[in-house]
Amino acid sequence: DHYASALPKEKITDLQQRLELKKGRCMVMWGMPEVSYSLLEYGNHTSYEVQQIFEDVAEAQRNLSLQILFRPRPSFRRSFYEQEIHRLFDKESRLLVHEDLQVLLALSDVVLSGTSTVILEALLMHKSVIMYVPKVLDNDFKEFWESGAVLMARTKEELHAHLKHLADPNNRAVLVARAD
């Protein structure tokens, strides 16, 4: 399982320099929700729901001065996501489609995701994780948030509170220790 292995420092530094990432800001890698064509399953989202999630995260970025690395799922709708990122987020935000996920996780202070295996990969890399899952029926990974290994946000207010809490490196260390 290569996510549990350390990365060469040069790989991380190279990507950080290439992306011109600023130091000193809390770096959030966001495994963005996917727009679904079928809503038969509780974890699927319409474009309106995804747009609302984008607006919630954008508000948190503005209020907390976060730097966000956007990581879409492989089947994402590129034009929709690019439009929303351009409309809502600052120019320092990055849509990262082809970069190595392990390097992106290594660069991040906090990982934000819905229901995704990105959660498991982030935990293996000892990263603090927030799940933002507004749909109350979506209880995948329930054991993770009930045990306190990750923080669960169901509302915009909870999301903002968790991001503010994890902007402090000491709070991130406590969450990672609990997850470990």
N, C-alpha and C. Protein backbone atom coordinates (compact mmCIF):
# COMPACT_ATOMS: atom_id res chain seq x y z
N ASP A 1 0.85 -1.18 0.00
CA ASP A 1 0.00 0.00 0.00
C ASP A 1 0.88 1.23 0.00
N HIS A 2 1.04 1.83 -1.17
CA HIS A 2 2.03 2.92 -1.30
C HIS A 2 1.62 4.21 -0.60
N TYR A 3 0.37 4.38 -0.21
CA TYR A 3 -0.03 5.60 0.49
C TYR A 3 0.55 5.65 1.90
N ALA A 4 0.92 4.51 2.44
CA ALA A 4 1.52 4.48 3.77
C ALA A 4 3.03 4.71 3.73
N SER A 5 3.60 4.76 2.52
CA SER A 5 5.04 4.97 2.36
C SER A 5 5.36 6.45 2.21
N ALA A 6 6.52 6.82 2.70
CA ALA A 6 6.96 8.22 2.59
C ALA A 6 7.34 8.54 1.15
N LEU A 7 7.06 9.76 0.76
CA LEU A 7 7.43 10.25 -0.58
C LEU A 7 8.76 10.97 -0.52
N PRO A 8 9.52 10.93 -1.60
CA PRO A 8 10.74 11.75 -1.65
C PRO A 8 10.36 13.24 -1.56
N LYS A 9 11.08 13.97 -0.73
CA LYS A 9 10.81 15.39 -0.51
C LYS A 9 10.82 16.18 -1.81
N GLU A 10 11.67 15.78 -2.77
CA GLU A 10 11.77 16.50 -4.04
C GLU A 10 10.47 16.46 -4.82
N LYS A 11 9.76 15.33 -4.77
CA LYS A 11 8.49 15.23 -5.49
C LYS A 11 7.49 16.26 -4.97
N ILE A 12 7.45 16.40 -3.68
CA ILE A 12 6.51 17.33 -3.06
C ILE A 12 6.93 18.77 -3.36
N THR A 13 8.19 19.07 -3.20
CA THR A 13 8.71 20.42 -3.44
C THR A 13 8.54 20.81 -4.91
N ASP A 14 8.82 19.87 -5.81
CA ASP A 14 8.69 20.16 -7.24
C ASP A 14 7.26 20.56 -7.60
N LEU A 15 6.28 19.80 -7.12
CA LEU A 15 4.89 20.13 -7.42
C LEU A 15 4.49 21.45 -6.77
N GLN A 16 4.92 21.67 -5.56
CA GLN A 16 4.61 22.92 -4.85
C GLN A 16 5.14 24.12 -5.63
N GLN A 17 6.34 24.01 -6.14
CA GLN A 17 6.92 25.11 -6.92
C GLN A 17 6.23 25.27 -8.26
N ARG A 18 5.95 24.15 -8.93
CA ARG A 18 5.30 24.22 -10.24
C ARG A 18 3.92 24.86 -10.14
N LEU A 19 3.20 24.57 -9.07
CA LEU A 19 1.86 25.13 -8.88
C LEU A 19 1.89 26.52 -8.26
N GLU A 20 3.08 26.98 -7.88
CA GLU A 20 3.25 28.29 -7.25
C GLU A 20 2.36 28.44 -6.01
N LEU A 21 2.40 27.42 -5.16
CA LEU A 21 1.59 27.44 -3.95
C LEU A 21 2.25 28.32 -2.90
N LYS A 22 1.42 29.07 -2.21
CA LYS A 22 1.93 29.98 -1.18
C LYS A 22 2.03 29.25 0.15
N LYS A 23 3.11 29.49 0.83
CA LYS A 23 3.29 28.91 2.15
C LYS A 23 2.58 29.79 3.18
N GLY A 24 2.20 29.19 4.28
CA GLY A 24 1.58 29.95 5.35
C GLY A 24 0.07 29.91 5.38
N ARG A 25 -0.54 29.46 4.31
CA ARG A 25 -2.00 29.32 4.29
C ARG A 25 -2.34 27.85 4.47
N CYS A 26 -3.44 27.59 5.13
CA CYS A 26 -3.89 26.22 5.31
C CYS A 26 -4.26 25.66 3.93
N MET A 27 -3.62 24.55 3.56
CA MET A 27 -3.81 23.92 2.25
C MET A 27 -4.84 22.80 2.38
N VAL A 28 -5.93 22.94 1.62
CA VAL A 28 -7.01 21.95 1.65
C VAL A 28 -7.09 21.26 0.30
N MET A 29 -6.92 19.94 0.29
CA MET A 29 -7.16 19.19 -0.93
C MET A 29 -8.61 18.72 -0.88
N TRP A 30 -9.37 19.10 -1.90
CA TRP A 30 -10.80 18.78 -1.92
C TRP A 30 -11.09 17.74 -2.98
N GLY A 31 -11.49 16.56 -2.54
CA GLY A 31 -12.00 15.52 -3.44
C GLY A 31 -13.44 15.89 -3.74
N MET A 32 -13.65 16.60 -4.83
CA MET A 32 -14.95 17.22 -5.13
C MET A 32 -16.04 16.19 -5.41
N PRO A 33 -17.30 16.54 -5.10
CA PRO A 33 -18.42 15.64 -5.38
C PRO A 33 -18.66 15.54 -6.88
N GLU A 34 -19.21 14.44 -7.26
CA GLU A 34 -19.48 14.19 -8.68
C GLU A 34 -20.94 14.47 -9.00
N VAL A 35 -21.17 15.13 -10.14
CA VAL A 35 -22.53 15.33 -10.64
C VAL A 35 -22.99 14.00 -11.24
N SER A 36 -24.15 13.54 -10.83
CA SER A 36 -24.63 12.23 -11.29
C SER A 36 -25.79 12.37 -12.26
N TYR A 37 -25.84 11.44 -13.19
CA TYR A 37 -26.97 11.39 -14.11
C TYR A 37 -28.15 10.65 -13.49
N SER A 38 -27.86 9.74 -12.59
CA SER A 38 -28.90 8.95 -11.94
C SER A 38 -28.95 9.32 -10.47
N LEU A 39 -30.13 9.55 -9.98
CA LEU A 39 -30.28 9.89 -8.57
C LEU A 39 -30.92 8.76 -7.78
N LEU A 40 -30.80 7.56 -8.29
CA LEU A 40 -31.41 6.41 -7.63
C LEU A 40 -30.70 6.02 -6.34
N GLU A 41 -29.44 6.43 -6.19
CA GLU A 41 -28.71 6.11 -4.98
C GLU A 41 -28.57 7.37 -4.12
N TYR A 42 -28.56 7.20 -2.81
CA TYR A 42 -28.54 8.34 -1.90
C TYR A 42 -27.26 9.17 -1.99
N GLY A 43 -26.16 8.63 -2.48
CA GLY A 43 -24.90 9.36 -2.54
C GLY A 43 -24.73 10.18 -3.79
N ASN A 44 -25.67 10.12 -4.72
CA ASN A 44 -25.54 10.85 -5.98
C ASN A 44 -26.06 12.28 -5.83
N HIS A 45 -25.47 13.20 -6.63
CA HIS A 45 -25.80 14.62 -6.52
C HIS A 45 -26.22 15.19 -7.86
N THR A 46 -27.18 16.10 -7.83
CA THR A 46 -27.53 16.87 -9.03
C THR A 46 -26.53 18.00 -9.18
N SER A 47 -26.54 18.66 -10.33
CA SER A 47 -25.65 19.80 -10.52
C SER A 47 -26.01 20.93 -9.56
N TYR A 48 -27.27 21.04 -9.18
CA TYR A 48 -27.69 22.07 -8.22
C TYR A 48 -27.12 21.79 -6.84
N GLU A 49 -27.11 20.51 -6.44
CA GLU A 49 -26.54 20.15 -5.14
C GLU A 49 -25.03 20.37 -5.13
N VAL A 50 -24.37 19.99 -6.21
CA VAL A 50 -22.93 20.19 -6.29
C VAL A 50 -22.61 21.69 -6.30
N GLN A 51 -23.40 22.47 -7.00
CA GLN A 51 -23.19 23.91 -7.03
C GLN A 51 -23.32 24.49 -5.62
N GLN A 52 -24.28 24.03 -4.84
CA GLN A 52 -24.45 24.51 -3.46
C GLN A 52 -23.23 24.13 -2.61
N ILE A 53 -22.73 22.93 -2.78
CA ILE A 53 -21.54 22.50 -2.05
C ILE A 53 -20.36 23.39 -2.42
N PHE A 54 -20.21 23.69 -3.72
CA PHE A 54 -19.16 24.60 -4.17
C PHE A 54 -19.29 25.96 -3.48
N GLU A 55 -20.50 26.49 -3.42
CA GLU A 55 -20.72 27.79 -2.79
C GLU A 55 -20.37 27.76 -1.31
N ASP A 56 -20.70 26.66 -0.64
CA ASP A 56 -20.37 26.53 0.78
C ASP A 56 -18.86 26.52 1.00
N VAL A 57 -18.14 25.77 0.16
CA VAL A 57 -16.68 25.69 0.30
C VAL A 57 -16.04 27.02 -0.08
N ALA A 58 -16.57 27.69 -1.10
CA ALA A 58 -16.03 29.00 -1.51
C ALA A 58 -16.18 30.03 -0.39
N GLU A 59 -17.31 29.99 0.28
CA GLU A 59 -17.51 30.92 1.41
C GLU A 59 -16.51 30.64 2.52
N ALA A 60 -16.25 29.37 2.77
CA ALA A 60 -15.26 29.01 3.79
C ALA A 60 -13.87 29.49 3.37
N GLN A 61 -13.55 29.35 2.10
CA GLN A 61 -12.24 29.81 1.62
C GLN A 61 -12.08 31.31 1.85
N ARG A 62 -13.10 32.06 1.50
CA ARG A 62 -13.03 33.52 1.68
C ARG A 62 -12.90 33.89 3.16
N ASN A 63 -13.68 33.26 4.00
CA ASN A 63 -13.70 33.60 5.43
C ASN A 63 -12.44 33.16 6.17
N LEU A 64 -11.84 32.06 5.72
CA LEU A 64 -10.72 31.47 6.46
C LEU A 64 -9.38 31.57 5.74
N SER A 65 -9.36 32.18 4.56
CA SER A 65 -8.15 32.33 3.77
C SER A 65 -7.47 30.99 3.52
N LEU A 66 -8.22 30.05 3.02
CA LEU A 66 -7.70 28.72 2.69
C LEU A 66 -7.17 28.70 1.27
N GLN A 67 -6.20 27.86 1.02
CA GLN A 67 -5.77 27.59 -0.35
C GLN A 67 -6.29 26.20 -0.69
N ILE A 68 -7.00 26.09 -1.82
CA ILE A 68 -7.66 24.84 -2.15
C ILE A 68 -7.07 24.21 -3.39
N LEU A 69 -6.80 22.92 -3.28
CA LEU A 69 -6.39 22.10 -4.41
C LEU A 69 -7.59 21.25 -4.79
N PHE A 70 -8.16 21.50 -5.95
CA PHE A 70 -9.36 20.78 -6.38
C PHE A 70 -8.97 19.49 -7.06
N ARG A 71 -9.46 18.39 -6.56
CA ARG A 71 -9.19 17.09 -7.16
C ARG A 71 -10.52 16.44 -7.51
N PRO A 72 -10.87 16.47 -8.81
CA PRO A 72 -12.13 15.85 -9.23
C PRO A 72 -12.01 14.33 -9.32
N ARG A 73 -13.15 13.69 -9.35
CA ARG A 73 -13.18 12.26 -9.62
C ARG A 73 -12.90 12.06 -11.11
N PRO A 74 -12.49 10.87 -11.49
CA PRO A 74 -12.11 10.65 -12.89
C PRO A 74 -13.18 10.99 -13.92
N SER A 75 -14.44 10.86 -13.59
CA SER A 75 -15.50 11.06 -14.58
C SER A 75 -16.15 12.44 -14.49
N PHE A 76 -15.43 13.42 -13.98
CA PHE A 76 -16.05 14.72 -13.73
C PHE A 76 -16.40 15.46 -15.03
N ARG A 77 -17.34 16.40 -14.90
CA ARG A 77 -17.75 17.26 -16.02
C ARG A 77 -16.87 18.50 -16.01
N ARG A 78 -15.83 18.47 -16.81
CA ARG A 78 -14.79 19.50 -16.75
C ARG A 78 -15.33 20.92 -16.89
N SER A 79 -16.19 21.18 -17.87
CA SER A 79 -16.64 22.55 -18.09
C SER A 79 -17.45 23.08 -16.91
N PHE A 80 -18.28 22.24 -16.31
CA PHE A 80 -19.07 22.65 -15.15
C PHE A 80 -18.14 23.02 -13.99
N TYR A 81 -17.18 22.15 -13.70
CA TYR A 81 -16.27 22.39 -12.58
C TYR A 81 -15.39 23.62 -12.82
N GLU A 82 -14.85 23.75 -14.03
CA GLU A 82 -14.02 24.91 -14.32
C GLU A 82 -14.80 26.21 -14.18
N GLN A 83 -16.04 26.20 -14.65
CA GLN A 83 -16.89 27.39 -14.55
C GLN A 83 -17.14 27.76 -13.09
N GLU A 84 -17.46 26.78 -12.26
CA GLU A 84 -17.73 27.05 -10.85
C GLU A 84 -16.48 27.51 -10.11
N ILE A 85 -15.35 26.91 -10.40
CA ILE A 85 -14.10 27.31 -9.74
C ILE A 85 -13.76 28.74 -10.12
N HIS A 86 -13.86 29.06 -11.40
CA HIS A 86 -13.56 30.42 -11.87
C HIS A 86 -14.53 31.43 -11.25
N ARG A 87 -15.80 31.06 -11.13
CA ARG A 87 -16.83 31.97 -10.63
C ARG A 87 -16.70 32.22 -9.12
N LEU A 88 -16.33 31.19 -8.36
CA LEU A 88 -16.45 31.27 -6.91
C LEU A 88 -15.15 31.39 -6.12
N PHE A 89 -14.04 30.93 -6.70
CA PHE A 89 -12.82 30.81 -5.90
C PHE A 89 -11.75 31.78 -6.35
N ASP A 90 -10.79 32.00 -5.46
CA ASP A 90 -9.70 32.92 -5.80
C ASP A 90 -8.77 32.31 -6.85
N LYS A 91 -7.94 33.15 -7.41
CA LYS A 91 -7.06 32.76 -8.51
C LYS A 91 -5.97 31.79 -8.08
N GLU A 92 -5.76 31.63 -6.79
CA GLU A 92 -4.74 30.71 -6.31
C GLU A 92 -5.25 29.28 -6.19
N SER A 93 -6.53 29.06 -6.42
CA SER A 93 -7.09 27.72 -6.38
C SER A 93 -6.67 26.97 -7.64
N ARG A 94 -6.47 25.68 -7.52
CA ARG A 94 -5.97 24.88 -8.63
C ARG A 94 -6.85 23.66 -8.87
N LEU A 95 -7.26 23.46 -10.14
CA LEU A 95 -7.94 22.24 -10.56
C LEU A 95 -6.86 21.29 -11.02
N LEU A 96 -6.69 20.20 -10.30
CA LEU A 96 -5.58 19.28 -10.54
C LEU A 96 -6.12 17.91 -10.93
N VAL A 97 -6.06 17.64 -12.21
CA VAL A 97 -6.66 16.43 -12.76
C VAL A 97 -5.65 15.29 -12.89
N HIS A 98 -4.45 15.60 -13.35
CA HIS A 98 -3.49 14.56 -13.70
C HIS A 98 -2.36 14.39 -12.70
N GLU A 99 -2.30 15.22 -11.68
CA GLU A 99 -1.23 15.12 -10.70
C GLU A 99 -1.43 13.88 -9.83
N ASP A 100 -0.35 13.36 -9.34
CA ASP A 100 -0.34 12.17 -8.49
C ASP A 100 -1.09 12.48 -7.19
N LEU A 101 -2.11 11.70 -6.91
CA LEU A 101 -2.93 11.92 -5.72
C LEU A 101 -2.10 11.85 -4.45
N GLN A 102 -1.15 10.96 -4.38
CA GLN A 102 -0.33 10.83 -3.19
C GLN A 102 0.47 12.11 -2.94
N VAL A 103 0.98 12.73 -3.99
CA VAL A 103 1.74 13.98 -3.84
C VAL A 103 0.80 15.10 -3.40
N LEU A 104 -0.41 15.13 -3.97
CA LEU A 104 -1.39 16.16 -3.56
C LEU A 104 -1.75 16.01 -2.09
N LEU A 105 -1.94 14.78 -1.66
CA LEU A 105 -2.24 14.55 -0.25
C LEU A 105 -1.07 14.99 0.63
N ALA A 106 0.14 14.70 0.19
CA ALA A 106 1.33 15.09 0.97
C ALA A 106 1.43 16.61 1.10
N LEU A 107 1.02 17.34 0.07
CA LEU A 107 1.05 18.80 0.10
C LEU A 107 -0.01 19.40 1.02
N SER A 108 -1.04 18.64 1.31
CA SER A 108 -2.23 19.17 2.00
C SER A 108 -2.11 19.12 3.51
N ASP A 109 -2.73 20.12 4.13
CA ASP A 109 -2.87 20.12 5.59
C ASP A 109 -4.15 19.41 5.99
N VAL A 110 -5.20 19.62 5.19
CA VAL A 110 -6.53 19.07 5.47
C VAL A 110 -7.06 18.47 4.17
N VAL A 111 -7.75 17.36 4.30
CA VAL A 111 -8.41 16.74 3.15
C VAL A 111 -9.91 16.84 3.36
N LEU A 112 -10.58 17.41 2.37
CA LEU A 112 -12.03 17.55 2.39
C LEU A 112 -12.60 16.62 1.33
N SER A 113 -13.61 15.87 1.70
CA SER A 113 -14.18 14.92 0.75
C SER A 113 -15.60 14.58 1.16
N GLY A 114 -16.33 14.04 0.22
CA GLY A 114 -17.60 13.43 0.53
C GLY A 114 -17.33 11.96 0.79
N THR A 115 -18.21 11.11 0.31
CA THR A 115 -18.03 9.68 0.47
C THR A 115 -17.11 9.21 -0.66
N SER A 116 -15.87 8.88 -0.30
CA SER A 116 -14.87 8.53 -1.30
C SER A 116 -13.73 7.77 -0.66
N THR A 117 -13.04 6.96 -1.45
CA THR A 117 -11.86 6.27 -0.94
C THR A 117 -10.71 7.24 -0.69
N VAL A 118 -10.83 8.48 -1.13
CA VAL A 118 -9.82 9.50 -0.80
C VAL A 118 -9.67 9.59 0.72
N ILE A 119 -10.75 9.34 1.44
CA ILE A 119 -10.71 9.37 2.91
C ILE A 119 -9.71 8.34 3.42
N LEU A 120 -9.78 7.13 2.89
CA LEU A 120 -8.88 6.08 3.33
C LEU A 120 -7.43 6.40 2.98
N GLU A 121 -7.22 6.91 1.78
CA GLU A 121 -5.87 7.26 1.35
C GLU A 121 -5.29 8.38 2.20
N ALA A 122 -6.12 9.35 2.54
CA ALA A 122 -5.67 10.46 3.39
C ALA A 122 -5.33 9.96 4.80
N LEU A 123 -6.15 9.07 5.34
CA LEU A 123 -5.87 8.54 6.67
C LEU A 123 -4.57 7.74 6.68
N LEU A 124 -4.31 6.99 5.62
CA LEU A 124 -3.05 6.24 5.52
C LEU A 124 -1.84 7.18 5.51
N MET A 125 -2.05 8.39 5.00
CA MET A 125 -0.96 9.38 4.94
C MET A 125 -0.96 10.30 6.16
N HIS A 126 -1.74 9.96 7.17
CA HIS A 126 -1.80 10.70 8.43
C HIS A 126 -2.23 12.15 8.21
N LYS A 127 -3.29 12.32 7.44
CA LYS A 127 -3.86 13.65 7.17
C LYS A 127 -5.16 13.80 7.93
N SER A 128 -5.46 15.02 8.33
CA SER A 128 -6.76 15.29 8.97
C SER A 128 -7.82 15.38 7.87
N VAL A 129 -8.97 14.80 8.15
CA VAL A 129 -10.01 14.65 7.13
C VAL A 129 -11.34 15.21 7.63
N ILE A 130 -11.99 15.96 6.74
CA ILE A 130 -13.36 16.41 6.97
C ILE A 130 -14.21 15.80 5.87
N MET A 131 -15.28 15.14 6.27
CA MET A 131 -16.27 14.68 5.30
C MET A 131 -17.39 15.72 5.26
N TYR A 132 -17.68 16.22 4.06
CA TYR A 132 -18.82 17.13 3.91
C TYR A 132 -19.87 16.40 3.11
N VAL A 133 -20.90 15.94 3.82
CA VAL A 133 -21.94 15.11 3.23
C VAL A 133 -23.30 15.66 3.67
N PRO A 134 -23.84 16.63 2.92
CA PRO A 134 -25.11 17.23 3.31
C PRO A 134 -26.31 16.27 3.31
N LYS A 135 -26.22 15.20 2.54
CA LYS A 135 -27.35 14.27 2.49
C LYS A 135 -27.32 13.36 3.72
N VAL A 136 -28.30 13.52 4.58
CA VAL A 136 -28.34 12.81 5.85
C VAL A 136 -28.45 11.30 5.66
N LEU A 137 -29.04 10.84 4.57
CA LEU A 137 -29.16 9.41 4.34
C LEU A 137 -27.83 8.77 3.96
N ASP A 138 -26.86 9.55 3.54
CA ASP A 138 -25.55 9.03 3.14
C ASP A 138 -24.74 8.78 4.40
N ASN A 139 -24.61 7.52 4.78
CA ASN A 139 -23.90 7.15 5.99
C ASN A 139 -22.72 6.23 5.72
N ASP A 140 -22.22 6.23 4.48
CA ASP A 140 -21.01 5.47 4.19
C ASP A 140 -19.88 6.04 5.04
N PHE A 141 -18.98 5.21 5.46
CA PHE A 141 -17.86 5.59 6.32
C PHE A 141 -18.34 6.02 7.70
N LYS A 142 -19.53 5.61 8.09
CA LYS A 142 -20.11 6.00 9.37
C LYS A 142 -19.19 5.68 10.55
N GLU A 143 -18.55 4.53 10.49
CA GLU A 143 -17.65 4.13 11.58
C GLU A 143 -16.50 5.11 11.75
N PHE A 144 -16.07 5.72 10.64
CA PHE A 144 -14.95 6.66 10.70
C PHE A 144 -15.33 7.94 11.43
N TRP A 145 -16.50 8.50 11.11
CA TRP A 145 -16.85 9.76 11.78
C TRP A 145 -17.45 9.52 13.15
N GLU A 146 -18.12 8.40 13.35
CA GLU A 146 -18.63 8.13 14.70
C GLU A 146 -17.50 7.89 15.69
N SER A 147 -16.41 7.30 15.23
CA SER A 147 -15.27 7.02 16.11
C SER A 147 -14.40 8.26 16.33
N GLY A 148 -14.61 9.30 15.54
CA GLY A 148 -13.81 10.51 15.66
C GLY A 148 -12.54 10.50 14.83
N ALA A 149 -12.39 9.52 13.94
CA ALA A 149 -11.20 9.47 13.07
C ALA A 149 -11.24 10.58 12.03
N VAL A 150 -12.43 10.97 11.62
CA VAL A 150 -12.63 12.09 10.70
C VAL A 150 -13.73 12.98 11.27
N LEU A 151 -13.78 14.21 10.82
CA LEU A 151 -14.85 15.11 11.23
C LEU A 151 -15.94 15.09 10.17
N MET A 152 -17.18 15.00 10.58
CA MET A 152 -18.32 14.99 9.66
C MET A 152 -19.03 16.33 9.72
N ALA A 153 -19.30 16.88 8.55
CA ALA A 153 -20.08 18.11 8.45
C ALA A 153 -21.30 17.81 7.58
N ARG A 154 -22.47 18.12 8.09
CA ARG A 154 -23.71 17.96 7.34
C ARG A 154 -24.27 19.30 6.87
N THR A 155 -23.79 20.38 7.51
CA THR A 155 -24.27 21.72 7.16
C THR A 155 -23.08 22.63 6.84
N LYS A 156 -23.38 23.72 6.18
CA LYS A 156 -22.34 24.72 5.87
C LYS A 156 -21.69 25.22 7.16
N GLU A 157 -22.48 25.44 8.18
CA GLU A 157 -21.96 25.94 9.44
C GLU A 157 -20.98 24.94 10.07
N GLU A 158 -21.33 23.66 10.03
CA GLU A 158 -20.42 22.63 10.56
C GLU A 158 -19.14 22.57 9.73
N LEU A 159 -19.27 22.66 8.41
CA LEU A 159 -18.10 22.66 7.55
C LEU A 159 -17.16 23.81 7.91
N HIS A 160 -17.70 25.01 8.04
CA HIS A 160 -16.88 26.18 8.35
C HIS A 160 -16.23 26.02 9.73
N ALA A 161 -16.98 25.51 10.70
CA ALA A 161 -16.42 25.32 12.05
C ALA A 161 -15.27 24.30 12.03
N HIS A 162 -15.45 23.21 11.29
CA HIS A 162 -14.39 22.19 11.22
C HIS A 162 -13.15 22.72 10.50
N LEU A 163 -13.35 23.46 9.40
CA LEU A 163 -12.21 24.02 8.68
C LEU A 163 -11.46 25.04 9.54
N LYS A 164 -12.20 25.85 10.27
CA LYS A 164 -11.56 26.83 11.16
C LYS A 164 -10.77 26.11 12.25
N HIS A 165 -11.36 25.06 12.81
CA HIS A 165 -10.71 24.27 13.86
C HIS A 165 -9.41 23.64 13.33
N LEU A 166 -9.46 23.09 12.12
CA LEU A 166 -8.30 22.38 11.57
C LEU A 166 -7.28 23.32 10.91
N ALA A 167 -7.59 24.60 10.85
CA ALA A 167 -6.58 25.55 10.37
C ALA A 167 -5.42 25.63 11.37
N ASP A 168 -5.67 25.23 12.60
CA ASP A 168 -4.65 25.20 13.65
C ASP A 168 -3.90 23.86 13.57
N PRO A 169 -2.59 23.88 13.36
CA PRO A 169 -1.81 22.64 13.25
C PRO A 169 -1.93 21.72 14.47
N ASN A 170 -2.10 22.31 15.65
CA ASN A 170 -2.24 21.49 16.86
C ASN A 170 -3.53 20.67 16.82
N ASN A 171 -4.60 21.28 16.33
CA ASN A 171 -5.87 20.55 16.22
C ASN A 171 -5.79 19.46 15.17
N ARG A 172 -5.05 19.72 14.08
CA ARG A 172 -4.85 18.68 13.06
C ARG A 172 -4.10 17.50 13.67
N ALA A 173 -3.08 17.78 14.46
CA ALA A 173 -2.28 16.71 15.06
C ALA A 173 -3.13 15.84 16.00
N VAL A 174 -4.03 16.47 16.74
CA VAL A 174 -4.91 15.71 17.63
C VAL A 174 -5.83 14.80 16.83
N LEU A 175 -6.41 15.31 15.75
CA LEU A 175 -7.31 14.50 14.92
C LEU A 175 -6.54 13.34 14.27
N VAL A 176 -5.35 13.61 13.77
CA VAL A 176 -4.56 12.54 13.14
C VAL A 176 -4.21 11.47 14.18
N ALA A 177 -3.84 11.87 15.38
CA ALA A 177 -3.51 10.91 16.44
C ALA A 177 -4.74 10.05 16.78
N ARG A 178 -5.89 10.67 16.82
CA ARG A 178 -7.13 9.93 17.11
C ARG A 178 -7.42 8.94 15.97
N ALA A 179 -7.21 9.36 14.74
CA ALA A 179 -7.44 8.49 13.59
C ALA A 179 -6.46 7.33 13.58
N ASP A 180 -5.21 7.63 13.90
CA ASP A 180 -4.19 6.55 13.92
C ASP A 180 -4.55 5.50 14.95
